[in-house]
C-alpha atoms as a PDB file:
ATOM      1  CA  MET A   1       0.024   0.038   0.003  1.00  0.00           C
ATOM      2  CA  PRO A   2       1.442   3.455  -0.845  1.00  0.00           C
ATOM      3  CA  ALA A   3       2.461   5.700   1.956  1.00  0.00           C
ATOM      4  CA  THR A   4      -0.157   8.362   2.811  1.00  0.00           C
ATOM      5  CA  SER A   5       2.078  11.105   1.440  1.00  0.00           C
ATOM      6  CA  THR A   6       1.774   9.735  -2.100  1.00  0.00           C
ATOM      7  CA  LEU A   7      -1.998   9.685  -1.914  1.00  0.00           C
ATOM      8  CA  PRO A   8      -2.455  13.259  -3.192  1.00  0.00           C
ATOM      9  CA  GLU A   9      -0.192  12.518  -6.129  1.00  0.00           C
ATOM     10  CA  THR A  10      -2.103   9.340  -6.981  1.00  0.00           C
ATOM     11  CA  ILE A  11      -5.425  11.230  -6.816  1.00  0.00           C
ATOM     12  CA  LEU A  12      -4.003  14.085  -8.971  1.00  0.00           C
ATOM     13  CA  SER A  13      -2.624  11.807 -11.618  1.00  0.00           C
ATOM     14  CA  HIS A  14      -5.889  10.043 -11.923  1.00  0.00           C
ATOM     15  CA  ALA A  15      -7.712  13.339 -12.137  1.00  0.00           C
ATOM     16  CA  ARG A  16      -5.443  14.537 -14.939  1.00  0.00           C
ATOM     17  CA  SER A  17      -5.924  11.337 -16.952  1.00  0.00           C
ATOM     18  CA  LEU A  18      -9.724  12.060 -17.132  1.00  0.00           C
ATOM     19  CA  PRO A  19     -11.189  14.112 -19.955  1.00  0.00           C
ATOM     20  CA  GLU A  20     -12.331  17.740 -19.196  1.00  0.00           C
ATOM     21  CA  GLY A  21     -15.144  17.693 -16.640  1.00  0.00           C
ATOM     22  CA  GLY A  22     -14.407  14.046 -15.621  1.00  0.00           C
ATOM     23  CA  VAL A  23     -15.695  13.396 -12.094  1.00  0.00           C
ATOM     24  CA  LEU A  24     -13.841  11.564  -9.399  1.00  0.00           C
ATOM     25  CA  SER A  25     -14.887  10.412  -5.966  1.00  0.00           C
ATOM     26  CA  PRO A  26     -13.092   9.679  -2.732  1.00  0.00           C
ATOM     27  CA  LYS A  27     -14.645   6.179  -2.698  1.00  0.00           C
ATOM     28  CA  GLU A  28     -12.482   5.322  -5.768  1.00  0.00           C
ATOM     29  CA  PHE A  29      -9.277   5.610  -3.654  1.00  0.00           C
ATOM     30  CA  LEU A  30     -10.319   3.669  -0.379  1.00  0.00           C
ATOM     31  CA  HIS A  31      -8.047   0.816  -1.413  1.00  0.00           C
ATOM     32  CA  LEU A  32      -5.065   3.190  -0.946  1.00  0.00           C
ATOM     33  CA  GLY A  33      -5.682   4.305   2.640  1.00  0.00           C
ATOM     34  CA  SER A  34      -8.260   4.883   5.363  1.00  0.00           C
ATOM     35  CA  ARG A  35     -11.350   6.966   4.670  1.00  0.00           C
ATOM     36  CA  ALA A  36      -9.934   9.721   6.884  1.00  0.00           C
ATOM     37  CA  ALA A  37      -6.621   9.764   4.928  1.00  0.00           C
ATOM     38  CA  VAL A  38      -8.437   9.866   1.595  1.00  0.00           C
ATOM     39  CA  ASP A  39     -10.815  12.589   2.702  1.00  0.00           C
ATOM     40  CA  GLN A  40      -7.953  14.691   4.063  1.00  0.00           C
ATOM     41  CA  ALA A  41      -5.999  14.290   0.763  1.00  0.00           C
ATOM     42  CA  PHE A  42      -9.058  15.427  -1.232  1.00  0.00           C
ATOM     43  CA  SER A  43      -9.569  18.344   1.223  1.00  0.00           C
ATOM     44  CA  ARG A  44      -5.940  19.434   0.939  1.00  0.00           C
ATOM     45  CA  LEU A  45      -6.020  19.285  -2.920  1.00  0.00           C
ATOM     46  CA  THR A  46      -9.260  21.339  -2.895  1.00  0.00           C
ATOM     47  CA  ARG A  47      -7.765  23.988  -0.619  1.00  0.00           C
ATOM     48  CA  GLN A  48      -4.766  24.191  -2.972  1.00  0.00           C
ATOM     49  CA  GLY A  49      -7.027  24.778  -5.893  1.00  0.00           C
ATOM     50  CA  ARG A  50      -5.748  21.622  -7.596  1.00  0.00           C
ATOM     51  CA  LEU A  51      -9.211  20.049  -7.421  1.00  0.00           C
ATOM     52  CA  LEU A  52     -12.697  21.565  -7.397  1.00  0.00           C
ATOM     53  CA  ARG A  53     -15.510  20.169  -5.303  1.00  0.00           C
ATOM     54  CA  VAL A  54     -18.628  20.284  -7.392  1.00  0.00           C
ATOM     55  CA  ALA A  55     -21.007  18.391  -5.171  1.00  0.00           C
ATOM     56  CA  ARG A  56     -20.905  16.002  -2.151  1.00  0.00           C
ATOM     57  CA  GLY A  57     -18.392  13.365  -2.865  1.00  0.00           C
ATOM     58  CA  SER A  58     -17.705  14.682  -6.460  1.00  0.00           C
ATOM     59  CA  TYR A  59     -14.563  16.509  -7.590  1.00  0.00           C
ATOM     60  CA  VAL A  60     -13.192  17.655 -10.912  1.00  0.00           C
ATOM     61  CA  SER A  61      -9.781  18.901 -12.145  1.00  0.00           C
ATOM     62  CA  PRO A  62      -9.488  22.484 -13.103  1.00  0.00           C
ATOM     63  CA  VAL A  63      -8.338  22.941 -16.842  1.00  0.00           C
ATOM     64  CA  SER A  64      -4.936  24.628 -17.293  1.00  0.00           C
ATOM     65  CA  SER A  65      -4.209  26.730 -20.432  1.00  0.00           C
ATOM     66  CA  ARG A  66      -1.840  29.532 -21.347  1.00  0.00           C
ATOM     67  CA  PHE A  67      -4.399  31.941 -19.902  1.00  0.00           C
ATOM     68  CA  GLY A  68      -4.284  30.266 -16.517  1.00  0.00           C
ATOM     69  CA  THR A  69      -6.686  27.785 -14.981  1.00  0.00           C
ATOM     70  CA  ARG A  70     -10.466  27.707 -15.258  1.00  0.00           C
ATOM     71  CA  ALA A  71     -13.257  25.394 -14.133  1.00  0.00           C
ATOM     72  CA  PRO A  72     -14.220  22.805 -16.765  1.00  0.00           C
ATOM     73  CA  ALA A  73     -17.142  23.548 -19.138  1.00  0.00           C
ATOM     74  CA  PRO A  74     -20.517  23.044 -17.240  1.00  0.00           C
ATOM     75  CA  GLU A  75     -21.961  20.726 -19.879  1.00  0.00           C
ATOM     76  CA  LYS A  76     -18.920  18.431 -19.644  1.00  0.00           C
ATOM     77  CA  VAL A  77     -19.289  18.160 -15.780  1.00  0.00           C
ATOM     78  CA  VAL A  78     -23.023  17.626 -16.072  1.00  0.00           C
ATOM     79  CA  GLY A  79     -22.470  14.962 -18.782  1.00  0.00           C
ATOM     80  CA  ALA A  80     -19.889  13.134 -16.562  1.00  0.00           C
ATOM     81  CA  LEU A  81     -22.251  13.202 -13.551  1.00  0.00           C
ATOM     82  CA  ALA A  82     -25.019  11.887 -15.749  1.00  0.00           C
ATOM     83  CA  SER A  83     -23.084   8.907 -17.015  1.00  0.00           C
ATOM     84  CA  ARG A  84     -21.835   8.214 -13.443  1.00  0.00           C
ATOM     85  CA  SER A  85     -25.331   8.231 -11.817  1.00  0.00           C
ATOM     86  CA  GLY A  86     -27.206   6.630 -14.910  1.00  0.00           C
ATOM     87  CA  ASP A  87     -29.649   9.630 -14.781  1.00  0.00           C
ATOM     88  CA  VAL A  88     -30.785  11.511 -17.973  1.00  0.00           C
ATOM     89  CA  ILE A  89     -29.534  15.072 -17.775  1.00  0.00           C
ATOM     90  CA  THR A  90     -30.468  17.570 -20.472  1.00  0.00           C
ATOM     91  CA  THR A  91     -30.718  21.229 -21.221  1.00  0.00           C
ATOM     92  CA  HIS A  92     -33.544  23.236 -19.652  1.00  0.00           C
ATOM     93  CA  GLY A  93     -36.577  24.103 -21.863  1.00  0.00           C
ATOM     94  CA  ALA A  94     -35.457  27.790 -21.875  1.00  0.00           C
ATOM     95  CA  ASN A  95     -32.107  26.789 -23.477  1.00  0.00           C
ATOM     96  CA  ALA A  96     -33.886  24.421 -25.887  1.00  0.00           C
ATOM     97  CA  ALA A  97     -36.344  27.183 -26.914  1.00  0.00           C
ATOM     98  CA  ASN A  98     -33.461  29.506 -27.678  1.00  0.00           C
ATOM     99  CA  ALA A  99     -31.449  26.941 -29.599  1.00  0.00           C
ATOM    100  CA  LEU A 100     -34.377  25.973 -31.723  1.00  0.00           C
ATOM    101  CA  GLY A 101     -35.275  29.633 -32.565  1.00  0.00           C
ATOM    102  CA  LEU A 102     -38.438  29.938 -30.546  1.00  0.00           C
ATOM    103  CA  THR A 103     -37.207  32.817 -28.432  1.00  0.00           C
ATOM    104  CA  GLN A 104     -34.378  35.420 -28.492  1.00  0.00           C
ATOM    105  CA  GLN A 105     -34.150  35.191 -24.697  1.00  0.00           C
ATOM    106  CA  VAL A 106     -30.866  33.905 -23.514  1.00  0.00           C
ATOM    107  CA  PRO A 107     -31.125  32.256 -20.023  1.00  0.00           C
ATOM    108  CA  ILE A 108     -28.789  33.808 -17.530  1.00  0.00           C
ATOM    109  CA  ARG A 109     -28.815  31.037 -14.902  1.00  0.00           C
ATOM    110  CA  LEU A 110     -27.493  27.642 -15.674  1.00  0.00           C
ATOM    111  CA  VAL A 111     -30.218  25.060 -15.135  1.00  0.00           C
ATOM    112  CA  TYR A 112     -30.340  21.541 -16.424  1.00  0.00           C
ATOM    113  CA  LEU A 113     -33.112  19.003 -16.118  1.00  0.00           C
ATOM    114  CA  THR A 114     -32.720  15.555 -14.818  1.00  0.00           C
ATOM    115  CA  SER A 115     -34.604  12.197 -14.327  1.00  0.00           C
ATOM    116  CA  GLY A 116     -32.830  11.958 -10.951  1.00  0.00           C
ATOM    117  CA  ARG A 117     -33.075  14.160  -7.894  1.00  0.00           C
ATOM    118  CA  THR A 118     -32.709  18.028  -7.801  1.00  0.00           C
ATOM    119  CA  ARG A 119     -29.237  19.128  -6.699  1.00  0.00           C
ATOM    120  CA  SER A 120     -26.795  22.046  -6.996  1.00  0.00           C
ATOM    121  CA  ILE A 121     -23.314  21.903  -8.487  1.00  0.00           C
ATOM    122  CA  LYS A 122     -20.659  24.412  -7.633  1.00  0.00           C
ATOM    123  CA  LEU A 123     -18.264  25.212 -10.519  1.00  0.00           C
ATOM    124  CA  GLY A 124     -15.841  27.867  -9.578  1.00  0.00           C
ATOM    125  CA  ARG A 125     -17.863  30.995  -8.838  1.00  0.00           C
ATOM    126  CA  SER A 126     -20.901  29.602 -10.793  1.00  0.00           C
ATOM    127  CA  GLU A 127     -23.657  27.493  -9.385  1.00  0.00           C
ATOM    128  CA  ILE A 128     -25.539  25.170 -11.616  1.00  0.00           C
ATOM    129  CA  THR A 129     -28.994  23.839 -10.660  1.00  0.00           C
ATOM    130  CA  VAL A 130     -29.864  20.284 -11.883  1.00  0.00           C
ATOM    131  CA  LYS A 131     -33.627  20.072 -11.403  1.00  0.00           C
ATOM    132  CA  HIS A 132     -35.807  16.976 -11.345  1.00  0.00           C
ATOM    133  CA  ALA A 133     -38.248  16.933 -14.300  1.00  0.00           C
ATOM    134  CA  PRO A 134     -41.291  14.692 -15.032  1.00  0.00           C
ATOM    135  CA  GLY A 135     -40.694  11.534 -17.094  1.00  0.00           C
ATOM    136  CA  TRP A 136     -42.576  12.828 -20.275  1.00  0.00           C
ATOM    137  CA  MET A 137     -40.145  15.747 -20.444  1.00  0.00           C
ATOM    138  CA  MET A 138     -37.102  13.491 -20.310  1.00  0.00           C
ATOM    139  CA  ALA A 139     -38.454  10.509 -22.378  1.00  0.00           C
ATOM    140  CA  LEU A 140     -36.699  11.456 -25.632  1.00  0.00           C
ATOM    141  CA  GLY A 141     -33.414  12.344 -23.968  1.00  0.00           C
ATOM    142  CA  SER A 142     -31.149  14.891 -25.521  1.00  0.00           C
ATOM    143  CA  SER A 143     -32.503  14.246 -29.158  1.00  0.00           C
ATOM    144  CA  GLN A 144     -33.766  17.163 -31.101  1.00  0.00           C
ATOM    145  CA  ALA A 145     -37.378  15.863 -30.615  1.00  0.00           C
ATOM    146  CA  GLY A 146     -36.709  15.736 -26.810  1.00  0.00           C
ATOM    147  CA  ALA A 147     -35.376  19.241 -26.912  1.00  0.00           C
ATOM    148  CA  ALA A 148     -38.519  20.377 -28.797  1.00  0.00           C
ATOM    149  CA  ILE A 149     -40.822  18.949 -26.090  1.00  0.00           C
ATOM    150  CA  ARG A 150     -38.859  20.726 -23.405  1.00  0.00           C
ATOM    151  CA  ALA A 151     -38.936  24.009 -25.332  1.00  0.00           C
ATOM    152  CA  LEU A 152     -42.691  23.621 -25.958  1.00  0.00           C
ATOM    153  CA  ALA A 153     -43.265  23.018 -22.259  1.00  0.00           C
ATOM    154  CA  TRP A 154     -41.295  26.149 -21.407  1.00  0.00           C
ATOM    155  CA  MET A 155     -43.089  28.282 -23.978  1.00  0.00           C
ATOM    156  CA  GLY A 156     -46.413  27.050 -22.613  1.00  0.00           C
ATOM    157  CA  PRO A 157     -49.949  26.576 -24.049  1.00  0.00           C
ATOM    158  CA  THR A 158     -50.365  30.314 -25.095  1.00  0.00           C
ATOM    159  CA  HIS A 159     -47.440  30.101 -27.642  1.00  0.00           C
ATOM    160  CA  VAL A 160     -47.684  26.413 -28.641  1.00  0.00           C
ATOM    161  CA  ARG A 161     -49.143  26.949 -32.088  1.00  0.00           C
ATOM    162  CA  GLU A 162     -46.648  29.513 -33.454  1.00  0.00           C
ATOM    163  CA  SER A 163     -43.842  27.482 -31.732  1.00  0.00           C
ATOM    164  CA  LEU A 164     -44.932  24.359 -33.563  1.00  0.00           C
ATOM    165  CA  ALA A 165     -44.980  26.224 -36.850  1.00  0.00           C
ATOM    166  CA  THR A 166     -41.373  27.217 -36.291  1.00  0.00           C
ATOM    167  CA  LEU A 167     -40.477  23.680 -35.239  1.00  0.00           C
ATOM    168  CA  ARG A 168     -42.050  22.220 -38.348  1.00  0.00           C
ATOM    169  CA  ARG A 169     -39.672  24.330 -40.408  1.00  0.00           C
ATOM    170  CA  ARG A 170     -36.600  23.804 -38.272  1.00  0.00           C
ATOM    171  CA  LEU A 171     -36.639  20.138 -37.358  1.00  0.00           C
ATOM    172  CA  PRO A 172     -35.421  17.496 -39.760  1.00  0.00           C
ATOM    173  CA  PRO A 173     -38.344  15.349 -40.903  1.00  0.00           C
ATOM    174  CA  SER A 174     -37.180  12.292 -38.930  1.00  0.00           C
ATOM    175  CA  ASP A 175     -37.303  14.416 -35.616  1.00  0.00           C
ATOM    176  CA  TRP A 176     -40.721  15.831 -36.534  1.00  0.00           C
ATOM    177  CA  GLN A 177     -41.854  12.305 -36.976  1.00  0.00           C
ATOM    178  CA  VAL A 178     -40.517  11.240 -33.569  1.00  0.00           C
ATOM    179  CA  LEU A 179     -42.109  14.385 -31.946  1.00  0.00           C
ATOM    180  CA  THR A 180     -45.593  13.642 -33.468  1.00  0.00           C
ATOM    181  CA  SER A 181     -45.303   9.954 -32.587  1.00  0.00           C
ATOM    182  CA  SER A 182     -44.739  10.735 -28.861  1.00  0.00           C
ATOM    183  CA  ARG A 183     -48.067  12.433 -28.355  1.00  0.00           C
ATOM    184  CA  ALA A 184     -49.545   9.783 -26.190  1.00  0.00           C
ATOM    185  CA  THR A 185     -46.962  10.437 -23.395  1.00  0.00           C
ATOM    186  CA  LEU A 186     -47.431  14.284 -23.441  1.00  0.00           C
ATOM    187  CA  PRO A 187     -49.829  16.623 -21.509  1.00  0.00           C
ATOM    188  CA  SER A 188     -53.166  17.029 -23.333  1.00  0.00           C
ATOM    189  CA  TRP A 189     -52.674  20.614 -24.382  1.00  0.00           C
ATOM    190  CA  MET A 190     -49.308  19.762 -26.137  1.00  0.00           C
ATOM    191  CA  ALA A 191     -50.505  16.464 -27.654  1.00  0.00           C
ATOM    192  CA  ARG A 192     -53.579  18.222 -29.156  1.00  0.00           C
ATOM    193  CA  ALA A 193     -51.633  21.017 -30.579  1.00  0.00           C
ATOM    194  CA  ILE A 194     -48.907  18.592 -32.049  1.00  0.00           C
ATOM    195  CA  GLY A 195     -51.733  16.537 -33.548  1.00  0.00           C
ATOM    196  CA  GLU A 196     -53.303  19.568 -35.191  1.00  0.00           C
ATOM    197  CA  ALA A 197     -49.874  20.705 -36.586  1.00  0.00           C
ATOM    198  CA  ALA A 198     -49.206  17.241 -37.976  1.00  0.00           C
ATOM    199  CA  LEU A 199     -52.760  17.277 -39.752  1.00  0.00           C
ATOM    200  CA  ARG A 200     -51.925  20.688 -41.216  1.00  0.00           C
ATOM    201  CA  GLY A 201     -48.712  19.092 -42.673  1.00  0.00           C
END
């Protein structure tokens, strides 16, 4: 077993081998020392700024460039947390609506939706909210059709018809087909509006 003094180096070398935003947990290093020693090593590396604590038991490595160090890109951290937990995590309806051209409004706060529990992620000075969303909103994952459903949910019943007219033009035919085929799982107001838009062709 390595001496406790080499624990931080082992942790750091593992952290640096991960892609940007890759998440590591103290539990992965319990074979190298006691829980207290591992926690202490993580705590020291965080104080030194060599690791960033993003959530309880989850750490990432800062990214170094010629301009200095920065926190990893939020979507990369969120993606790594999703693959680790097995939850679906996707962009919020406001981001989806902006990306699909339904609104000019650019969201200021970083919010993602998840099939798992609601939680906050600290990333340098930013805080990201990962918010639990109902199953129908997450069913099509991060596909274009899934983004369209979240965008429509965010736009709401008042704007659903003009939003669908824009989506009809913007979405590739295969994604429009997936969207219209998923009506049975959606709230009534959205299912009805999508059915009417599909009939109009």
